[in-house]
Amino acid sequence: MNNKATITIIIILVVAVAVLVAWYFLGNTDTTTTNTNNTVVTTTNREVPPDNTVWVLNGSFTPSVLTISAGDTVTWINKDTINRQVASDPHPAHTSVPELLSDPLAEGESYTFTFDTAGTYGYHDELNPIKKAQVIVE
């Protein structure tokens, strides 16, 4: 094998190892499970929204599916640097829950809505309607 081929193989191997190391450290959740009084508790190092809260971050809703009880209130918080607007499906009619329609939310602003009736409710970002999510009310 000539020197040029050897150098090319070494470069490919170094890049592959760097990608694997980055993937491991950026994608590792370090999940820990403990059992206390017959209750399983799972924790991770990834930040997650508190109960009944949805974050709008990087143009997506987190969590994308939220299950709540009838009568619960959901809070959406815009963690993006651009405006977002919560609106019920379908776009652009918003007929599934017409009252579910926020004003445009700047970074750090929030919107709350109470779901009184059981069902599955789709919603989207009115300013970017391809971003969709659901609230399941039991």
N, C-alpha and C. Protein backbone atom coordinates (compact mmCIF):
# COMPACT_ATOMS: atom_id res chain seq x y z
N MET A 1 0.86 -1.15 0.00
CA MET A 1 0.00 0.00 0.00
C MET A 1 0.91 1.23 0.00
N ASN A 2 0.56 2.24 -0.80
CA ASN A 2 1.41 3.43 -0.88
C ASN A 2 1.07 4.41 0.24
N ASN A 3 1.92 5.41 0.43
CA ASN A 3 1.75 6.38 1.51
C ASN A 3 0.46 7.17 1.41
N LYS A 4 0.04 7.51 0.20
CA LYS A 4 -1.19 8.30 0.01
C LYS A 4 -2.41 7.50 0.47
N ALA A 5 -2.47 6.24 0.15
CA ALA A 5 -3.58 5.39 0.58
C ALA A 5 -3.58 5.20 2.09
N THR A 6 -2.42 5.04 2.68
CA THR A 6 -2.30 4.88 4.13
C THR A 6 -2.78 6.14 4.85
N ILE A 7 -2.36 7.30 4.38
CA ILE A 7 -2.79 8.56 4.99
C ILE A 7 -4.30 8.74 4.87
N THR A 8 -4.87 8.40 3.73
CA THR A 8 -6.32 8.51 3.53
C THR A 8 -7.06 7.60 4.52
N ILE A 9 -6.60 6.39 4.70
CA ILE A 9 -7.25 5.46 5.63
C ILE A 9 -7.14 5.99 7.06
N ILE A 10 -5.99 6.52 7.43
CA ILE A 10 -5.82 7.07 8.79
C ILE A 10 -6.76 8.25 9.01
N ILE A 11 -6.90 9.13 8.04
CA ILE A 11 -7.80 10.29 8.16
C ILE A 11 -9.24 9.82 8.32
N ILE A 12 -9.65 8.84 7.54
CA ILE A 12 -11.02 8.31 7.63
C ILE A 12 -11.26 7.71 9.02
N LEU A 13 -10.29 6.97 9.54
CA LEU A 13 -10.44 6.37 10.86
C LEU A 13 -10.51 7.43 11.96
N VAL A 14 -9.69 8.47 11.87
CA VAL A 14 -9.70 9.54 12.87
C VAL A 14 -11.05 10.25 12.85
N VAL A 15 -11.57 10.55 11.67
CA VAL A 15 -12.87 11.23 11.56
C VAL A 15 -13.97 10.33 12.12
N ALA A 16 -13.94 9.04 11.80
CA ALA A 16 -14.97 8.12 12.30
C ALA A 16 -14.93 8.04 13.82
N VAL A 17 -13.75 7.96 14.41
CA VAL A 17 -13.64 7.91 15.87
C VAL A 17 -14.15 9.22 16.48
N ALA A 18 -13.81 10.37 15.88
CA ALA A 18 -14.28 11.66 16.40
C ALA A 18 -15.80 11.75 16.36
N VAL A 19 -16.42 11.27 15.30
CA VAL A 19 -17.88 11.29 15.19
C VAL A 19 -18.50 10.38 16.25
N LEU A 20 -17.95 9.20 16.46
CA LEU A 20 -18.48 8.29 17.47
C LEU A 20 -18.34 8.85 18.88
N VAL A 21 -17.22 9.48 19.17
CA VAL A 21 -17.02 10.08 20.49
C VAL A 21 -18.00 11.22 20.71
N ALA A 22 -18.19 12.08 19.71
CA ALA A 22 -19.15 13.19 19.82
C ALA A 22 -20.55 12.64 20.00
N TRP A 23 -20.92 11.62 19.25
CA TRP A 23 -22.26 11.02 19.36
C TRP A 23 -22.47 10.46 20.76
N TYR A 24 -21.47 9.80 21.32
CA TYR A 24 -21.60 9.22 22.64
C TYR A 24 -21.81 10.30 23.70
N PHE A 25 -20.99 11.32 23.67
CA PHE A 25 -21.07 12.34 24.72
C PHE A 25 -22.27 13.27 24.56
N LEU A 26 -22.70 13.54 23.34
CA LEU A 26 -23.85 14.42 23.14
C LEU A 26 -25.17 13.68 23.23
N GLY A 27 -25.17 12.40 22.97
CA GLY A 27 -26.42 11.64 22.97
C GLY A 27 -26.65 10.80 24.20
N ASN A 28 -25.70 10.73 25.10
CA ASN A 28 -25.83 9.90 26.30
C ASN A 28 -26.75 10.57 27.30
N THR A 29 -27.78 9.85 27.77
CA THR A 29 -28.74 10.43 28.70
C THR A 29 -28.42 10.15 30.16
N ASP A 30 -27.46 9.28 30.44
CA ASP A 30 -27.11 8.95 31.83
C ASP A 30 -28.35 8.69 32.68
N THR A 31 -29.19 7.78 32.25
CA THR A 31 -30.42 7.48 32.97
C THR A 31 -30.12 6.67 34.22
N THR A 32 -30.72 7.06 35.33
CA THR A 32 -30.55 6.36 36.60
C THR A 32 -31.93 5.95 37.10
N THR A 33 -32.08 4.69 37.48
CA THR A 33 -33.35 4.21 38.00
C THR A 33 -33.13 3.70 39.41
N THR A 34 -33.98 4.12 40.33
CA THR A 34 -33.91 3.65 41.71
C THR A 34 -35.29 3.17 42.13
N ASN A 35 -35.31 2.29 43.10
CA ASN A 35 -36.57 1.78 43.58
C ASN A 35 -36.70 2.19 45.05
N THR A 36 -37.69 3.05 45.34
CA THR A 36 -37.90 3.54 46.70
C THR A 36 -39.34 3.25 47.09
N ASN A 37 -39.52 2.48 48.15
CA ASN A 37 -40.88 2.14 48.61
C ASN A 37 -41.75 1.59 47.50
N ASN A 38 -41.20 0.67 46.72
CA ASN A 38 -41.90 0.05 45.59
C ASN A 38 -42.29 1.05 44.51
N THR A 39 -41.65 2.20 44.46
CA THR A 39 -41.91 3.19 43.42
C THR A 39 -40.65 3.34 42.58
N VAL A 40 -40.78 3.20 41.28
CA VAL A 40 -39.64 3.34 40.40
C VAL A 40 -39.52 4.80 40.00
N VAL A 41 -38.33 5.36 40.18
CA VAL A 41 -38.06 6.75 39.85
C VAL A 41 -36.95 6.78 38.81
N THR A 42 -37.18 7.43 37.70
CA THR A 42 -36.17 7.52 36.66
C THR A 42 -35.78 8.97 36.47
N THR A 43 -34.48 9.22 36.43
CA THR A 43 -33.99 10.57 36.20
C THR A 43 -32.99 10.55 35.05
N THR A 44 -32.87 11.66 34.35
CA THR A 44 -31.89 11.79 33.27
C THR A 44 -31.21 13.13 33.41
N ASN A 45 -30.12 13.29 32.67
CA ASN A 45 -29.43 14.56 32.70
C ASN A 45 -29.98 15.54 31.67
N ARG A 46 -30.99 15.16 30.94
CA ARG A 46 -31.59 16.05 29.94
C ARG A 46 -32.70 16.86 30.60
N GLU A 47 -32.73 18.13 30.32
CA GLU A 47 -33.75 19.01 30.88
C GLU A 47 -35.08 18.72 30.20
N VAL A 48 -36.12 18.57 30.99
CA VAL A 48 -37.46 18.32 30.46
C VAL A 48 -38.42 19.32 31.09
N PRO A 49 -39.50 19.64 30.37
CA PRO A 49 -40.47 20.58 30.94
C PRO A 49 -41.17 19.99 32.16
N PRO A 50 -41.61 20.84 33.08
CA PRO A 50 -42.41 20.36 34.21
C PRO A 50 -43.77 19.84 33.73
N ASP A 51 -44.50 19.17 34.63
CA ASP A 51 -45.82 18.63 34.29
C ASP A 51 -46.71 19.68 33.64
N ASN A 52 -47.47 19.25 32.63
CA ASN A 52 -48.46 20.07 31.93
C ASN A 52 -47.85 21.32 31.31
N THR A 53 -46.56 21.26 31.00
CA THR A 53 -45.89 22.37 30.34
C THR A 53 -45.31 21.87 29.02
N VAL A 54 -45.47 22.67 27.98
CA VAL A 54 -44.90 22.36 26.67
C VAL A 54 -43.94 23.47 26.32
N TRP A 55 -42.74 23.10 25.94
CA TRP A 55 -41.77 24.08 25.47
C TRP A 55 -41.81 24.14 23.96
N VAL A 56 -41.73 25.33 23.42
CA VAL A 56 -41.54 25.50 21.98
C VAL A 56 -40.06 25.83 21.83
N LEU A 57 -39.32 24.89 21.28
CA LEU A 57 -37.87 25.02 21.21
C LEU A 57 -37.38 24.46 19.89
N ASN A 58 -36.55 25.22 19.22
CA ASN A 58 -36.03 24.82 17.90
C ASN A 58 -37.16 24.51 16.94
N GLY A 59 -38.27 25.25 17.06
CA GLY A 59 -39.39 25.09 16.15
C GLY A 59 -40.26 23.88 16.43
N SER A 60 -40.00 23.15 17.51
CA SER A 60 -40.78 21.95 17.83
C SER A 60 -41.39 22.07 19.21
N PHE A 61 -42.43 21.26 19.44
CA PHE A 61 -43.09 21.21 20.74
C PHE A 61 -42.51 20.06 21.55
N THR A 62 -42.14 20.33 22.81
CA THR A 62 -41.60 19.30 23.70
C THR A 62 -42.41 19.31 24.98
N PRO A 63 -43.12 18.23 25.29
CA PRO A 63 -43.26 17.00 24.52
C PRO A 63 -44.20 17.19 23.33
N SER A 64 -44.06 16.31 22.35
CA SER A 64 -44.93 16.41 21.17
C SER A 64 -46.31 15.81 21.44
N VAL A 65 -46.41 14.94 22.44
CA VAL A 65 -47.69 14.39 22.89
C VAL A 65 -47.72 14.53 24.41
N LEU A 66 -48.75 15.20 24.91
CA LEU A 66 -48.91 15.43 26.35
C LEU A 66 -50.24 14.84 26.77
N THR A 67 -50.21 13.97 27.79
CA THR A 67 -51.43 13.36 28.31
C THR A 67 -51.76 14.00 29.66
N ILE A 68 -53.00 14.49 29.77
CA ILE A 68 -53.45 15.18 30.99
C ILE A 68 -54.83 14.67 31.37
N SER A 69 -55.33 15.14 32.49
CA SER A 69 -56.68 14.82 32.93
C SER A 69 -57.61 15.98 32.56
N ALA A 70 -58.90 15.65 32.37
CA ALA A 70 -59.88 16.69 32.08
C ALA A 70 -59.86 17.72 33.20
N GLY A 71 -59.88 18.99 32.83
CA GLY A 71 -59.83 20.07 33.80
C GLY A 71 -58.43 20.61 34.04
N ASP A 72 -57.40 19.91 33.51
CA ASP A 72 -56.02 20.38 33.67
C ASP A 72 -55.72 21.54 32.73
N THR A 73 -54.79 22.36 33.15
CA THR A 73 -54.34 23.50 32.36
C THR A 73 -52.95 23.20 31.81
N VAL A 74 -52.76 23.49 30.54
CA VAL A 74 -51.46 23.32 29.88
C VAL A 74 -50.85 24.70 29.67
N THR A 75 -49.55 24.79 29.90
CA THR A 75 -48.82 26.03 29.67
C THR A 75 -47.79 25.79 28.58
N TRP A 76 -47.81 26.62 27.54
CA TRP A 76 -46.80 26.61 26.49
C TRP A 76 -45.84 27.76 26.77
N ILE A 77 -44.55 27.49 26.72
CA ILE A 77 -43.53 28.52 26.91
C ILE A 77 -42.65 28.56 25.66
N ASN A 78 -42.53 29.75 25.08
CA ASN A 78 -41.67 29.89 23.91
C ASN A 78 -40.22 30.03 24.36
N LYS A 79 -39.41 29.02 24.04
CA LYS A 79 -37.98 29.06 24.37
C LYS A 79 -37.16 29.35 23.12
N ASP A 80 -37.83 29.67 22.02
CA ASP A 80 -37.13 30.05 20.79
C ASP A 80 -36.85 31.55 20.78
N THR A 81 -35.96 31.95 19.91
CA THR A 81 -35.64 33.37 19.79
C THR A 81 -36.55 34.09 18.82
N ILE A 82 -37.41 33.33 18.12
CA ILE A 82 -38.39 33.95 17.22
C ILE A 82 -39.79 33.69 17.75
N ASN A 83 -40.75 34.48 17.30
CA ASN A 83 -42.13 34.33 17.77
C ASN A 83 -42.71 32.99 17.36
N ARG A 84 -43.57 32.46 18.23
CA ARG A 84 -44.34 31.23 17.99
C ARG A 84 -45.77 31.50 18.38
N GLN A 85 -46.72 30.76 17.80
CA GLN A 85 -48.14 30.97 18.11
C GLN A 85 -48.84 29.62 18.16
N VAL A 86 -49.44 29.30 19.29
CA VAL A 86 -50.16 28.04 19.47
C VAL A 86 -51.56 28.18 18.89
N ALA A 87 -51.95 27.19 18.06
CA ALA A 87 -53.28 27.23 17.43
C ALA A 87 -53.79 25.80 17.26
N SER A 88 -55.10 25.61 17.45
CA SER A 88 -55.68 24.27 17.28
C SER A 88 -55.70 23.88 15.80
N ASP A 89 -55.71 22.58 15.58
CA ASP A 89 -55.85 22.05 14.21
C ASP A 89 -57.29 22.19 13.76
N PRO A 90 -57.60 22.03 12.52
CA PRO A 90 -56.66 22.02 11.40
C PRO A 90 -56.29 23.44 10.98
N HIS A 91 -55.15 23.56 10.36
CA HIS A 91 -54.71 24.86 9.84
C HIS A 91 -55.37 25.08 8.49
N PRO A 92 -55.90 26.20 8.15
CA PRO A 92 -55.94 27.45 8.89
C PRO A 92 -57.27 27.69 9.61
N ALA A 93 -58.16 26.69 9.62
CA ALA A 93 -59.51 26.91 10.16
C ALA A 93 -59.56 26.93 11.69
N HIS A 94 -58.73 26.14 12.35
CA HIS A 94 -58.68 26.06 13.81
C HIS A 94 -60.03 25.67 14.42
N THR A 95 -60.70 24.74 13.79
CA THR A 95 -62.05 24.39 14.21
C THR A 95 -62.11 23.31 15.30
N SER A 96 -61.02 22.58 15.55
CA SER A 96 -61.12 21.51 16.56
C SER A 96 -61.33 22.10 17.95
N VAL A 97 -60.63 23.18 18.29
CA VAL A 97 -60.84 23.91 19.55
C VAL A 97 -60.57 25.38 19.22
N PRO A 98 -61.57 26.09 18.71
CA PRO A 98 -61.34 27.47 18.26
C PRO A 98 -60.75 28.38 19.34
N GLU A 99 -61.05 28.09 20.60
CA GLU A 99 -60.54 28.93 21.69
C GLU A 99 -59.05 28.73 21.93
N LEU A 100 -58.50 27.64 21.42
CA LEU A 100 -57.07 27.36 21.59
C LEU A 100 -56.29 28.12 20.52
N LEU A 101 -56.01 29.37 20.82
CA LEU A 101 -55.29 30.24 19.88
C LEU A 101 -54.60 31.35 20.68
N SER A 102 -53.30 31.27 20.75
CA SER A 102 -52.54 32.28 21.50
C SER A 102 -52.23 33.48 20.62
N ASP A 103 -51.86 34.56 21.25
CA ASP A 103 -51.23 35.65 20.53
C ASP A 103 -49.83 35.17 20.16
N PRO A 104 -49.15 35.83 19.22
CA PRO A 104 -47.75 35.46 18.98
C PRO A 104 -46.95 35.61 20.28
N LEU A 105 -46.16 34.59 20.58
CA LEU A 105 -45.38 34.56 21.81
C LEU A 105 -43.92 34.87 21.50
N ALA A 106 -43.40 35.92 22.10
CA ALA A 106 -41.98 36.23 21.97
C ALA A 106 -41.19 35.29 22.88
N GLU A 107 -39.89 35.28 22.75
CA GLU A 107 -39.03 34.42 23.58
C GLU A 107 -39.33 34.67 25.06
N GLY A 108 -39.58 33.57 25.79
CA GLY A 108 -39.84 33.65 27.22
C GLY A 108 -41.30 33.85 27.59
N GLU A 109 -42.15 34.20 26.64
CA GLU A 109 -43.57 34.39 26.94
C GLU A 109 -44.30 33.06 26.97
N SER A 110 -45.45 33.05 27.67
CA SER A 110 -46.20 31.80 27.81
C SER A 110 -47.68 32.02 27.50
N TYR A 111 -48.35 30.89 27.30
CA TYR A 111 -49.79 30.86 27.03
C TYR A 111 -50.35 29.67 27.77
N THR A 112 -51.52 29.83 28.41
CA THR A 112 -52.15 28.72 29.11
C THR A 112 -53.54 28.47 28.55
N PHE A 113 -53.95 27.21 28.62
CA PHE A 113 -55.28 26.82 28.17
C PHE A 113 -55.73 25.63 29.00
N THR A 114 -57.01 25.65 29.43
CA THR A 114 -57.58 24.56 30.22
C THR A 114 -58.42 23.67 29.32
N PHE A 115 -58.15 22.37 29.37
CA PHE A 115 -58.89 21.37 28.59
C PHE A 115 -59.91 20.72 29.52
N ASP A 116 -61.19 20.98 29.28
CA ASP A 116 -62.25 20.48 30.15
C ASP A 116 -62.85 19.15 29.70
N THR A 117 -62.71 18.82 28.43
CA THR A 117 -63.39 17.65 27.86
C THR A 117 -62.37 16.63 27.37
N ALA A 118 -62.62 15.34 27.68
CA ALA A 118 -61.74 14.27 27.22
C ALA A 118 -61.71 14.23 25.70
N GLY A 119 -60.57 13.87 25.17
CA GLY A 119 -60.39 13.75 23.72
C GLY A 119 -58.94 13.95 23.35
N THR A 120 -58.67 13.85 22.06
CA THR A 120 -57.34 14.09 21.52
C THR A 120 -57.39 15.35 20.70
N TYR A 121 -56.54 16.30 21.04
CA TYR A 121 -56.57 17.62 20.42
C TYR A 121 -55.22 17.91 19.76
N GLY A 122 -55.26 18.06 18.45
CA GLY A 122 -54.07 18.43 17.72
C GLY A 122 -53.91 19.93 17.69
N TYR A 123 -52.66 20.38 17.68
CA TYR A 123 -52.39 21.80 17.57
C TYR A 123 -51.08 21.98 16.80
N HIS A 124 -50.80 23.23 16.44
CA HIS A 124 -49.61 23.52 15.64
C HIS A 124 -49.12 24.93 15.95
N ASP A 125 -47.97 25.27 15.39
CA ASP A 125 -47.46 26.63 15.46
C ASP A 125 -48.06 27.37 14.27
N GLU A 126 -48.92 28.32 14.54
CA GLU A 126 -49.59 29.07 13.48
C GLU A 126 -48.60 29.77 12.56
N LEU A 127 -47.44 30.13 13.09
CA LEU A 127 -46.44 30.83 12.29
C LEU A 127 -45.54 29.86 11.52
N ASN A 128 -45.68 28.58 11.79
CA ASN A 128 -44.96 27.52 11.08
C ASN A 128 -45.80 26.25 11.18
N PRO A 129 -46.92 26.18 10.42
CA PRO A 129 -47.95 25.15 10.64
C PRO A 129 -47.51 23.70 10.43
N ILE A 130 -46.33 23.47 9.90
CA ILE A 130 -45.91 22.08 9.76
C ILE A 130 -45.45 21.50 11.10
N LYS A 131 -45.23 22.35 12.09
CA LYS A 131 -44.84 21.89 13.43
C LYS A 131 -46.11 21.57 14.22
N LYS A 132 -46.36 20.27 14.47
CA LYS A 132 -47.60 19.83 15.08
C LYS A 132 -47.34 19.05 16.35
N ALA A 133 -48.35 18.98 17.21
CA ALA A 133 -48.28 18.20 18.44
C ALA A 133 -49.71 17.87 18.89
N GLN A 134 -49.84 17.16 20.01
CA GLN A 134 -51.15 16.75 20.52
C GLN A 134 -51.23 16.84 22.02
N VAL A 135 -52.44 17.12 22.49
CA VAL A 135 -52.77 16.99 23.89
C VAL A 135 -53.86 15.92 23.97
N ILE A 136 -53.61 14.90 24.78
CA ILE A 136 -54.60 13.84 25.01
C ILE A 136 -55.19 14.09 26.39
N VAL A 137 -56.51 14.28 26.42
CA VAL A 137 -57.21 14.57 27.67
C VAL A 137 -58.00 13.32 28.05
N GLU A 138 -57.71 12.80 29.24
CA GLU A 138 -58.38 11.56 29.68
C GLU A 138 -59.46 11.88 30.68
